[in-house]
Amino acid sequence: MSEPGSKNTAPVRVTGIHPFDAVLADRRLLGWGGSLLDLLRRQWRILLAGALAIALVQLITPLLAISHQTIELRLWPRLIDSLVALTLSSFVYAASYAALARREGAAHGLAHVEPWQSLPLRGLLLASIWGAVGLILTGVALLIVFSLVKLFASSALSGGGLAGLLALGYAGALFVPLLLFLLAPLWVGMLLRYALSYARIVRTDESAWTAFSLAWQRVSAENWRYFSHAYVAMLLVAAVLAAYIAVRWVAPGPIATLTSILLGMASLMVTVAGAFVAERALDPSLGLTLGAAPPSDPAATPTAGATAAAANDKAKQAPTTLAPLDTPTFQSLIAAQARDPREVRTLLGRCTDQVAALHAVRQQILPLAQSPRLAEAIVLVEAALTHDARHFANDPDIIMPLAKRLAAGARSDLAVRLLQPFVREQQQHKLHLTAALYAAHLVAQTLNKPTVARQFLANLKRLYPHEPLIDQQLKRLPT
């Protein structure tokens, strides 16, 4: 007998594409507001749980402190307290994002998140990286403010005394908000990079530094989305902060403390939801559930009957064997939508003829590498070069731009493997010298093999005896 209500229940369609993906594809920052409000409305329970957790962290952190709250001359107690607070807050943020991403993506094949045990350490490392970036930016901003004050208020400061202090205060009150506003694209860009880096920590098994680097590159490539809108966003943030400061200024102590806690809760809810929206806008390949078959591949999609049979007789169910793929199907699947790199490996492994499949998608690899789907292109290039080091020999014009994208994706080793046959065989090509110099640069700087690079450049000098660029690159090599 079937379960009550199961007769007319339609199965959820797993697509690997979230509804936000199409909505946000070409929208700029302020156009994300509707998606953000929709997400807050639908997933407020999960977000509220995270907000309560961050409020608890705010309350218990002072109780866990080992340093004196008012006078503490030693550095190490303050450092330990900071690490404890940073670990707890970063874990709450990452865990809240993981819960939201799993719930929101489950119906669309986008529920993949890393095990929660890995989040505290990786979250702390990522928070430490961002803390260092914040200190550097703060130092640079203070240096700029000091230079502006010295330039425009030097005469008033030279008098000293109370007048000099007042002049310093007026100058600071003028230049600090002005600088914050003028650099609004920088601050908003950093916030987006921060959000996307945490999304990568939760969604992938990347190290903290890799997640930071890839998020930085991804947001930098999409600065058109937020540059002009950042000024409006900065005005909204300034209005909220002004209201908060006003409440703190006039309200008694308990109300001020409660206001701080409520602001922290609201900030977590908005930033976690905003991070999910940023993920879908900037890097929609994140979160694909491995093994979930897209709609264009019906052979790999379990039927409703198979699902019911597995539920009724779980112990006797044999492991599901995914259907093999022919070359045209693989080519269409790669072209259809963004995928997790591990799913690309799975699809390639299912191909009946992997060499033919890789040849079929060769023309697609460079467009993939030049899009947000660089990670998928890296998987395909690595597989192609493993099968045949000369896989791209018939398309010499794409080798240089593809090598640069591989290097930008932290795979300089693949870029060198790609360039080697081209440099060896295509000596008449117009980009031969450029490719050879670039390969030498990667070998010396990125792969840290200056001796190999020196020998390579010496051989190249015999081919181009009067080329000054080779001499210049030889001089830059470490001795």
Protein backbone atom coordinates (compact mmCIF):
# COMPACT_ATOMS: atom_id res chain seq x y z
CA MET A 1 0.00 0.00 0.00
CA SER A 2 1.29 3.41 -0.90
CA GLU A 3 1.78 6.11 1.68
CA PRO A 4 -1.03 8.62 2.13
CA GLY A 5 -0.78 11.50 -0.27
CA SER A 6 2.00 9.90 -2.30
CA LYS A 7 -0.16 9.01 -5.26
CA ASN A 8 -0.42 12.50 -6.70
CA THR A 9 2.89 13.85 -5.49
CA ALA A 10 5.10 14.89 -8.40
CA PRO A 11 8.80 14.10 -7.99
CA VAL A 12 11.10 17.05 -7.52
CA ARG A 13 13.03 17.76 -10.69
CA VAL A 14 16.74 17.97 -10.07
CA THR A 15 18.27 20.27 -12.68
CA GLY A 16 21.58 21.62 -11.35
CA ILE A 17 20.25 25.13 -12.03
CA HIS A 18 18.74 27.38 -9.37
CA PRO A 19 15.92 29.76 -10.37
CA PHE A 20 18.14 32.65 -9.27
CA ASP A 21 20.74 31.75 -11.93
CA ALA A 22 18.70 33.02 -14.86
CA VAL A 23 17.32 35.99 -12.91
CA LEU A 24 20.76 37.21 -11.81
CA ALA A 25 22.71 36.34 -14.95
CA ASP A 26 22.94 39.92 -16.26
CA ARG A 27 21.84 41.95 -13.25
CA ARG A 28 23.99 44.39 -11.36
CA LEU A 29 24.23 44.73 -7.60
CA LEU A 30 21.03 46.64 -6.82
CA GLY A 31 19.12 44.23 -9.04
CA TRP A 32 19.91 41.46 -6.56
CA GLY A 33 17.62 42.99 -3.95
CA GLY A 34 14.48 41.16 -5.06
CA SER A 35 16.21 37.77 -4.89
CA LEU A 36 17.65 38.64 -1.48
CA LEU A 37 14.25 39.56 -0.04
CA ASP A 38 12.68 36.44 -1.55
CA LEU A 39 15.36 34.27 0.04
CA LEU A 40 14.94 35.98 3.43
CA ARG A 41 11.18 35.41 3.24
CA ARG A 42 11.42 31.71 2.36
CA GLN A 43 14.36 30.65 4.54
CA TRP A 44 13.95 32.93 7.55
CA ARG A 45 13.85 30.02 10.00
CA ILE A 46 17.31 28.77 9.06
CA LEU A 47 18.68 32.30 9.01
CA LEU A 48 17.11 33.06 12.39
CA ALA A 49 18.77 29.97 13.87
CA GLY A 50 22.13 31.28 12.68
CA ALA A 51 21.30 34.73 14.06
CA LEU A 52 20.51 33.26 17.48
CA ALA A 53 23.78 31.34 17.36
CA ILE A 54 25.78 34.51 16.64
CA ALA A 55 23.95 36.28 19.48
CA LEU A 56 24.97 33.43 21.78
CA VAL A 57 28.57 33.83 20.61
CA GLN A 58 28.41 37.55 21.42
CA LEU A 59 27.17 36.75 24.92
CA ILE A 60 29.55 33.93 25.83
CA THR A 61 32.74 35.30 24.26
CA PRO A 62 33.38 37.74 27.16
CA LEU A 63 32.80 34.87 29.61
CA LEU A 64 35.45 32.76 27.87
CA ALA A 65 38.02 35.55 27.85
CA ILE A 66 41.24 34.88 29.75
CA SER A 67 42.51 38.46 29.47
CA HIS A 68 41.50 41.28 31.79
CA GLN A 69 38.59 43.21 30.35
CA THR A 70 39.99 46.67 31.11
CA ILE A 71 43.74 46.41 31.72
CA GLU A 72 45.82 43.77 29.95
CA LEU A 73 49.40 44.51 29.06
CA ARG A 74 50.26 41.00 27.88
CA LEU A 75 49.80 40.21 24.22
CA TRP A 76 49.16 36.47 24.28
CA PRO A 77 45.90 36.54 26.32
CA ARG A 78 44.45 39.09 23.92
CA LEU A 79 45.58 36.95 20.99
CA ILE A 80 43.97 33.81 22.40
CA ASP A 81 40.72 35.65 23.07
CA SER A 82 40.71 37.00 19.52
CA LEU A 83 41.30 33.52 18.07
CA VAL A 84 38.46 32.05 20.14
CA ALA A 85 36.04 34.77 19.05
CA LEU A 86 37.17 34.50 15.43
CA THR A 87 36.82 30.70 15.41
CA LEU A 88 33.32 30.76 16.90
CA SER A 89 32.00 33.55 14.70
CA SER A 90 33.49 32.16 11.46
CA PHE A 91 32.12 28.69 12.27
CA VAL A 92 28.63 30.09 12.91
CA TYR A 93 28.76 32.00 9.63
CA ALA A 94 29.98 28.99 7.63
CA ALA A 95 27.55 26.57 9.31
CA SER A 96 24.65 28.95 8.72
CA TYR A 97 25.61 29.22 5.07
CA ALA A 98 25.93 25.43 4.77
CA ALA A 99 22.45 24.92 6.24
CA LEU A 100 20.95 27.55 3.94
CA ALA A 101 22.73 26.23 0.84
CA ARG A 102 21.69 22.64 1.56
CA ARG A 103 18.04 23.57 2.15
CA GLU A 104 17.78 26.01 -0.75
CA GLY A 105 19.65 23.83 -3.23
CA ALA A 106 18.15 20.42 -2.41
CA ALA A 107 15.33 20.71 -4.94
CA HIS A 108 17.70 21.75 -7.73
CA GLY A 109 20.65 19.36 -7.38
CA LEU A 110 22.71 22.09 -5.67
CA ALA A 111 22.83 20.79 -2.11
CA HIS A 112 26.50 19.78 -1.97
CA VAL A 113 28.35 21.13 1.07
CA GLU A 114 31.51 19.93 2.77
CA PRO A 115 31.34 18.02 6.10
CA TRP A 116 30.81 20.37 9.03
CA GLN A 117 33.90 19.00 10.81
CA SER A 118 36.13 20.75 8.26
CA LEU A 119 34.51 24.15 8.72
CA PRO A 120 36.04 25.41 12.02
CA LEU A 121 39.69 25.16 10.96
CA ARG A 122 39.21 26.23 7.34
CA GLY A 123 36.84 29.00 8.41
CA LEU A 124 39.38 30.26 10.94
CA LEU A 125 42.17 30.24 8.35
CA LEU A 126 40.00 32.13 5.88
CA ALA A 127 38.96 34.62 8.55
CA SER A 128 42.65 35.13 9.41
CA ILE A 129 43.45 35.86 5.76
CA TRP A 130 40.65 38.41 5.60
CA GLY A 131 41.78 39.88 8.91
CA ALA A 132 45.24 40.47 7.44
CA VAL A 133 43.68 42.06 4.34
CA GLY A 134 41.57 44.28 6.59
CA LEU A 135 44.63 45.44 8.54
CA ILE A 136 46.47 46.29 5.32
CA LEU A 137 43.51 48.23 3.93
CA THR A 138 43.04 50.06 7.23
CA GLY A 139 46.69 51.04 7.28
CA VAL A 140 46.56 52.32 3.71
CA ALA A 141 43.35 54.26 4.42
CA LEU A 142 44.84 55.87 7.53
CA LEU A 143 47.94 56.82 5.56
CA ILE A 144 45.77 58.48 2.91
CA VAL A 145 43.76 60.35 5.56
CA PHE A 146 46.96 61.50 7.26
CA SER A 147 48.33 62.74 3.94
CA LEU A 148 45.11 64.64 3.18
CA VAL A 149 45.01 66.22 6.63
CA LYS A 150 48.64 67.21 6.36
CA LEU A 151 48.04 68.67 2.90
CA PHE A 152 44.88 70.67 3.61
CA ALA A 153 45.09 71.44 7.33
CA SER A 154 48.81 71.84 7.92
CA SER A 155 48.56 75.58 8.65
CA ALA A 156 45.89 75.08 11.31
CA LEU A 157 47.80 72.22 12.93
CA SER A 158 51.03 74.18 13.07
CA GLY A 159 49.56 76.51 15.71
CA GLY A 160 49.27 73.65 18.20
CA GLY A 161 47.13 73.79 21.33
CA LEU A 162 43.37 73.49 21.40
CA ALA A 163 42.97 75.14 17.99
CA GLY A 164 45.23 72.54 16.43
CA LEU A 165 43.29 69.68 18.01
CA LEU A 166 39.99 71.15 16.82
CA ALA A 167 41.40 71.54 13.32
CA LEU A 168 42.54 67.91 13.39
CA GLY A 169 39.07 66.80 14.49
CA TYR A 170 37.34 68.83 11.78
CA ALA A 171 39.71 67.51 9.12
CA GLY A 172 39.21 63.92 10.25
CA ALA A 173 35.43 64.34 10.34
CA LEU A 174 35.57 65.62 6.76
CA PHE A 175 38.12 63.35 5.13
CA VAL A 176 37.27 59.97 6.72
CA PRO A 177 33.63 59.83 5.50
CA LEU A 178 34.68 61.33 2.17
CA LEU A 179 37.35 58.67 1.69
CA LEU A 180 34.99 55.88 2.70
CA PHE A 181 32.43 57.08 0.16
CA LEU A 182 34.88 57.64 -2.69
CA LEU A 183 36.31 54.14 -2.20
CA ALA A 184 32.85 52.54 -2.04
CA PRO A 185 33.56 50.15 -4.98
CA LEU A 186 36.61 48.86 -3.10
CA TRP A 187 34.66 48.13 0.10
CA VAL A 188 31.72 46.54 -1.72
CA GLY A 189 34.09 44.46 -3.85
CA MET A 190 35.83 43.24 -0.71
CA LEU A 191 32.49 42.30 0.84
CA LEU A 192 31.55 40.28 -2.26
CA ARG A 193 34.95 38.56 -2.28
CA TYR A 194 34.53 37.76 1.42
CA ALA A 195 31.07 36.26 0.83
CA LEU A 196 32.14 34.23 -2.20
CA SER A 197 35.27 32.91 -0.47
CA TYR A 198 33.14 31.55 2.39
CA ALA A 199 30.76 30.04 -0.15
CA ARG A 200 33.72 28.21 -1.70
CA ILE A 201 34.89 26.99 1.72
CA VAL A 202 31.46 25.51 2.36
CA ARG A 203 30.83 24.18 -1.15
CA THR A 204 34.28 22.77 -2.09
CA ASP A 205 37.22 21.07 -0.43
CA GLU A 206 39.57 23.91 -1.41
CA SER A 207 42.09 25.29 1.06
CA ALA A 208 41.41 28.67 2.62
CA TRP A 209 44.01 30.36 0.42
CA THR A 210 42.68 28.76 -2.78
CA ALA A 211 39.12 29.79 -1.91
CA PHE A 212 40.33 33.32 -1.19
CA SER A 213 42.31 33.53 -4.45
CA LEU A 214 39.58 32.14 -6.70
CA ALA A 215 36.92 34.34 -5.10
CA TRP A 216 39.18 37.36 -5.58
CA GLN A 217 39.69 36.54 -9.26
CA ARG A 218 36.02 35.83 -9.86
CA VAL A 219 34.73 39.07 -8.34
CA SER A 220 37.47 41.08 -10.04
CA ALA A 221 36.27 39.75 -13.39
CA GLU A 222 32.71 40.89 -12.59
CA ASN A 223 33.38 44.39 -11.25
CA TRP A 224 30.89 45.83 -13.76
CA ARG A 225 28.15 44.35 -11.59
CA TYR A 226 28.84 46.51 -8.54
CA PHE A 227 31.14 49.44 -9.38
CA SER A 228 28.59 52.23 -9.88
CA HIS A 229 25.96 50.68 -7.61
CA ALA A 230 28.47 50.56 -4.75
CA TYR A 231 27.92 54.24 -4.00
CA VAL A 232 24.20 53.72 -3.40
CA ALA A 233 24.94 50.66 -1.27
CA MET A 234 27.42 52.70 0.77
CA LEU A 235 24.76 55.36 1.45
CA LEU A 236 22.37 52.66 2.71
CA VAL A 237 25.04 51.22 5.01
CA ALA A 238 25.90 54.71 6.26
CA ALA A 239 22.23 55.35 7.10
CA VAL A 240 22.03 52.12 9.12
CA LEU A 241 25.27 52.89 10.97
CA ALA A 242 24.12 56.44 11.71
CA ALA A 243 20.88 55.12 13.21
CA TYR A 244 22.83 52.59 15.28
CA ILE A 245 25.26 55.23 16.58
CA ALA A 246 22.34 57.50 17.46
CA VAL A 247 20.69 54.73 19.48
CA ARG A 248 23.96 53.90 21.24
CA TRP A 249 24.46 57.57 22.03
CA VAL A 250 21.09 58.31 23.63
CA ALA A 251 19.91 54.91 24.91
CA PRO A 252 20.77 53.53 28.37
CA GLY A 253 23.24 50.69 28.73
CA PRO A 254 20.91 47.63 28.50
CA ILE A 255 19.10 49.01 25.45
CA ALA A 256 22.41 49.81 23.77
CA THR A 257 23.65 46.27 24.42
CA LEU A 258 20.42 44.78 23.10
CA THR A 259 20.70 46.99 20.01
CA SER A 260 24.21 45.67 19.36
CA ILE A 261 23.02 42.07 19.64
CA LEU A 262 20.02 42.67 17.36
CA LEU A 263 22.22 44.41 14.79
CA GLY A 264 24.61 41.45 14.86
CA MET A 265 21.73 39.04 14.32
CA ALA A 266 20.29 41.07 11.45
CA SER A 267 23.74 41.41 9.89
CA LEU A 268 24.28 37.65 9.92
CA MET A 269 20.88 36.95 8.36
CA VAL A 270 21.41 39.49 5.59
CA THR A 271 25.05 38.60 4.88
CA VAL A 272 24.44 34.83 4.77
CA ALA A 273 21.46 35.27 2.45
CA GLY A 274 23.45 37.80 0.43
CA ALA A 275 26.32 35.34 0.13
CA PHE A 276 23.98 32.78 -1.43
CA VAL A 277 22.66 35.36 -3.88
CA ALA A 278 26.25 36.35 -4.72
CA GLU A 279 27.13 32.68 -5.29
CA ARG A 280 24.31 32.23 -7.77
CA ALA A 281 25.17 35.49 -9.55
CA LEU A 282 28.95 35.14 -9.67
CA ASP A 283 29.76 31.42 -9.53
CA PRO A 284 26.67 29.30 -10.27
CA SER A 285 28.71 26.13 -10.78
CA LEU A 286 29.14 25.82 -7.00
CA GLY A 287 27.06 23.31 -5.10
CA LEU A 288 26.30 20.73 -7.79
CA THR A 289 25.41 17.45 -6.11
CA LEU A 290 27.67 14.73 -7.47
CA GLY A 291 25.75 11.95 -9.11
CA ALA A 292 22.65 14.04 -9.75
CA ALA A 293 21.86 13.67 -13.42
CA PRO A 294 20.81 16.71 -15.42
CA PRO A 295 17.50 16.65 -17.29
CA SER A 296 19.24 16.29 -20.65
CA ASP A 297 20.66 12.92 -19.55
CA PRO A 298 17.56 10.80 -18.83
CA ALA A 299 19.52 7.56 -18.82
CA ALA A 300 21.14 8.50 -15.53
CA THR A 301 17.95 9.75 -13.82
CA PRO A 302 16.31 7.17 -11.52
CA THR A 303 12.65 6.58 -12.28
CA ALA A 304 9.95 6.93 -9.65
CA GLY A 305 9.54 3.14 -9.64
CA ALA A 306 13.23 2.59 -9.06
CA THR A 307 13.20 5.07 -6.18
CA ALA A 308 10.26 3.30 -4.55
CA ALA A 309 11.91 -0.09 -5.01
CA ALA A 310 15.08 1.18 -3.37
CA ALA A 311 13.09 2.45 -0.41
CA ASN A 312 11.17 -0.83 0.02
CA ASP A 313 14.11 -3.18 -0.44
CA LYS A 314 17.20 -1.17 0.47
CA ALA A 315 19.29 -4.11 1.56
CA LYS A 316 18.86 -5.96 -1.74
CA GLN A 317 19.31 -2.96 -4.00
CA ALA A 318 22.44 -3.24 -6.13
CA PRO A 319 24.65 -0.17 -6.61
CA THR A 320 23.34 2.04 -9.42
CA THR A 321 25.45 1.86 -12.57
CA LEU A 322 25.28 5.03 -14.60
CA ALA A 323 24.65 4.55 -18.30
CA PRO A 324 27.61 5.07 -20.66
CA LEU A 325 27.72 8.23 -22.75
CA ASP A 326 28.44 8.53 -26.43
CA THR A 327 30.50 11.44 -27.76
CA PRO A 328 27.62 13.69 -28.98
CA THR A 329 25.81 13.33 -25.64
CA PHE A 330 28.95 14.24 -23.69
CA GLN A 331 29.52 17.24 -25.94
CA SER A 332 25.96 18.48 -25.44
CA LEU A 333 26.14 17.99 -21.66
CA ILE A 334 29.32 20.06 -21.42
CA ALA A 335 27.75 22.81 -23.50
CA ALA A 336 24.43 22.78 -21.65
CA GLN A 337 25.23 24.22 -18.22
CA ALA A 338 27.86 24.86 -15.57
CA ARG A 339 28.91 21.84 -13.54
CA ASP A 340 31.04 20.94 -10.58
CA PRO A 341 34.52 19.93 -11.85
CA ARG A 342 34.14 16.56 -10.15
CA GLU A 343 30.94 15.94 -12.10
CA VAL A 344 32.82 16.71 -15.32
CA ARG A 345 35.31 13.98 -14.39
CA THR A 346 32.40 11.61 -13.73
CA LEU A 347 30.81 12.37 -17.10
CA LEU A 348 34.14 11.89 -18.87
CA GLY A 349 34.64 8.57 -17.10
CA ARG A 350 31.28 7.38 -18.45
CA CYS A 351 32.26 8.08 -22.07
CA THR A 352 32.61 5.00 -24.25
CA ASP A 353 35.48 6.69 -26.12
CA GLN A 354 37.21 9.30 -23.97
CA VAL A 355 39.71 10.33 -26.65
CA ALA A 356 36.94 11.03 -29.15
CA ALA A 357 34.94 12.87 -26.51
CA LEU A 358 37.90 15.12 -25.66
CA HIS A 359 38.50 15.86 -29.34
CA ALA A 360 34.81 16.73 -29.75
CA VAL A 361 34.89 19.36 -26.98
CA ARG A 362 38.30 20.81 -27.91
CA GLN A 363 36.76 23.92 -29.47
CA GLN A 364 34.64 24.45 -26.34
CA ILE A 365 37.54 24.46 -23.90
CA LEU A 366 38.85 27.99 -24.52
CA PRO A 367 35.37 29.61 -24.22
CA LEU A 368 34.90 27.65 -20.98
CA ALA A 369 38.27 28.86 -19.68
CA GLN A 370 37.40 32.46 -20.51
CA SER A 371 34.08 32.21 -18.65
CA PRO A 372 33.30 31.55 -14.98
CA ARG A 373 33.64 27.83 -15.81
CA LEU A 374 37.45 27.83 -15.71
CA ALA A 375 37.54 24.91 -13.25
CA GLU A 376 35.71 22.70 -15.77
CA ALA A 377 38.13 23.70 -18.52
CA ILE A 378 41.05 22.73 -16.27
CA VAL A 379 39.60 19.23 -15.84
CA LEU A 380 39.20 18.81 -19.60
CA VAL A 381 42.68 20.16 -20.42
CA GLU A 382 44.33 17.90 -17.85
CA ALA A 383 42.51 14.85 -19.19
CA ALA A 384 43.32 15.77 -22.80
CA LEU A 385 47.04 16.29 -22.14
CA THR A 386 47.18 13.06 -20.17
CA HIS A 387 45.82 11.15 -23.17
CA ASP A 388 47.91 13.06 -25.73
CA ALA A 389 50.50 15.78 -25.05
CA ARG A 390 49.83 17.13 -28.57
CA HIS A 391 46.07 17.24 -28.18
CA PHE A 392 45.91 20.96 -29.08
CA ALA A 393 48.56 20.85 -31.83
CA ASN A 394 45.96 21.35 -34.57
CA ASP A 395 44.65 24.55 -32.91
CA PRO A 396 47.82 26.60 -32.27
CA ASP A 397 45.96 29.92 -32.11
CA ILE A 398 44.14 28.99 -28.91
CA ILE A 399 47.21 27.79 -27.02
CA MET A 400 48.49 31.13 -25.69
CA PRO A 401 45.15 32.47 -24.42
CA LEU A 402 44.33 29.07 -22.94
CA ALA A 403 47.72 28.86 -21.20
CA LYS A 404 47.17 32.28 -19.62
CA ARG A 405 43.78 31.25 -18.28
CA LEU A 406 45.23 28.02 -16.86
CA ALA A 407 47.95 30.01 -15.10
CA ALA A 408 45.32 32.43 -13.76
CA GLY A 409 43.52 29.40 -12.33
CA ALA A 410 46.64 28.40 -10.35
CA ARG A 411 47.54 25.59 -12.79
CA SER A 412 50.82 26.83 -14.22
CA ASP A 413 51.97 23.23 -14.48
CA LEU A 414 49.21 22.53 -16.99
CA ALA A 415 50.00 25.76 -18.84
CA VAL A 416 53.63 24.64 -19.27
CA ARG A 417 52.54 21.19 -20.47
CA LEU A 418 50.23 22.88 -22.98
CA LEU A 419 52.98 25.21 -24.25
CA GLN A 420 55.76 22.63 -24.58
CA PRO A 421 54.68 20.96 -27.88
CA PHE A 422 53.78 24.35 -29.36
CA VAL A 423 57.20 25.84 -28.55
CA ARG A 424 58.98 22.75 -29.82
CA GLU A 425 57.06 22.34 -33.10
CA GLN A 426 55.54 25.70 -34.12
CA GLN A 427 58.68 27.79 -34.60
CA GLN A 428 57.19 29.64 -37.56
CA HIS A 429 54.06 30.68 -35.71
CA LYS A 430 53.71 34.41 -35.00
CA LEU A 431 53.29 33.75 -31.26
CA HIS A 432 56.19 31.31 -30.94
CA LEU A 433 58.58 33.73 -29.21
CA THR A 434 55.82 35.07 -26.97
CA ALA A 435 54.81 31.56 -25.94
CA ALA A 436 58.41 30.53 -25.30
CA LEU A 437 59.09 33.56 -23.09
CA TYR A 438 55.85 32.99 -21.20
CA ALA A 439 56.71 29.33 -20.65
CA ALA A 440 60.13 30.32 -19.30
CA HIS A 441 58.48 32.83 -16.97
CA LEU A 442 56.10 30.19 -15.60
CA VAL A 443 58.89 27.67 -15.11
CA ALA A 444 61.08 30.18 -13.26
CA GLN A 445 58.56 32.12 -11.20
CA THR A 446 55.54 29.93 -10.62
CA LEU A 447 57.10 26.46 -10.71
CA ASN A 448 60.25 27.78 -8.98
CA LYS A 449 62.72 26.15 -11.38
CA PRO A 450 65.06 29.01 -12.40
CA THR A 451 67.84 26.64 -13.49
CA VAL A 452 65.55 24.89 -15.97
CA ALA A 453 64.28 28.25 -17.20
CA ARG A 454 67.85 29.51 -17.71
CA GLN A 455 68.78 26.48 -19.82
CA PHE A 456 65.57 26.85 -21.82
CA LEU A 457 66.25 30.54 -22.52
CA ALA A 458 69.84 29.75 -23.52
CA ASN A 459 68.53 27.31 -26.13
CA LEU A 460 65.96 29.88 -27.24
CA LYS A 461 68.75 32.44 -27.69
CA ARG A 462 70.30 30.22 -30.35
CA LEU A 463 67.06 30.40 -32.29
CA TYR A 464 66.64 34.18 -31.77
CA PRO A 465 70.26 35.44 -31.40
CA HIS A 466 69.36 39.13 -31.67
CA GLU A 467 66.24 39.17 -29.49
CA PRO A 468 66.70 41.56 -26.50
CA LEU A 469 63.65 40.22 -24.64
CA ILE A 470 65.48 36.95 -24.04
CA ASP A 471 68.45 38.81 -22.54
CA GLN A 472 66.15 40.82 -20.30
CA GLN A 473 64.41 37.71 -19.01
CA LEU A 474 67.76 36.02 -18.37
CA LYS A 475 68.86 39.01 -16.28
CA ARG A 476 65.71 38.80 -14.16
CA LEU A 477 66.33 35.17 -13.22
CA PRO A 478 67.71 34.62 -9.71
CA THR A 479 71.37 33.68 -9.66
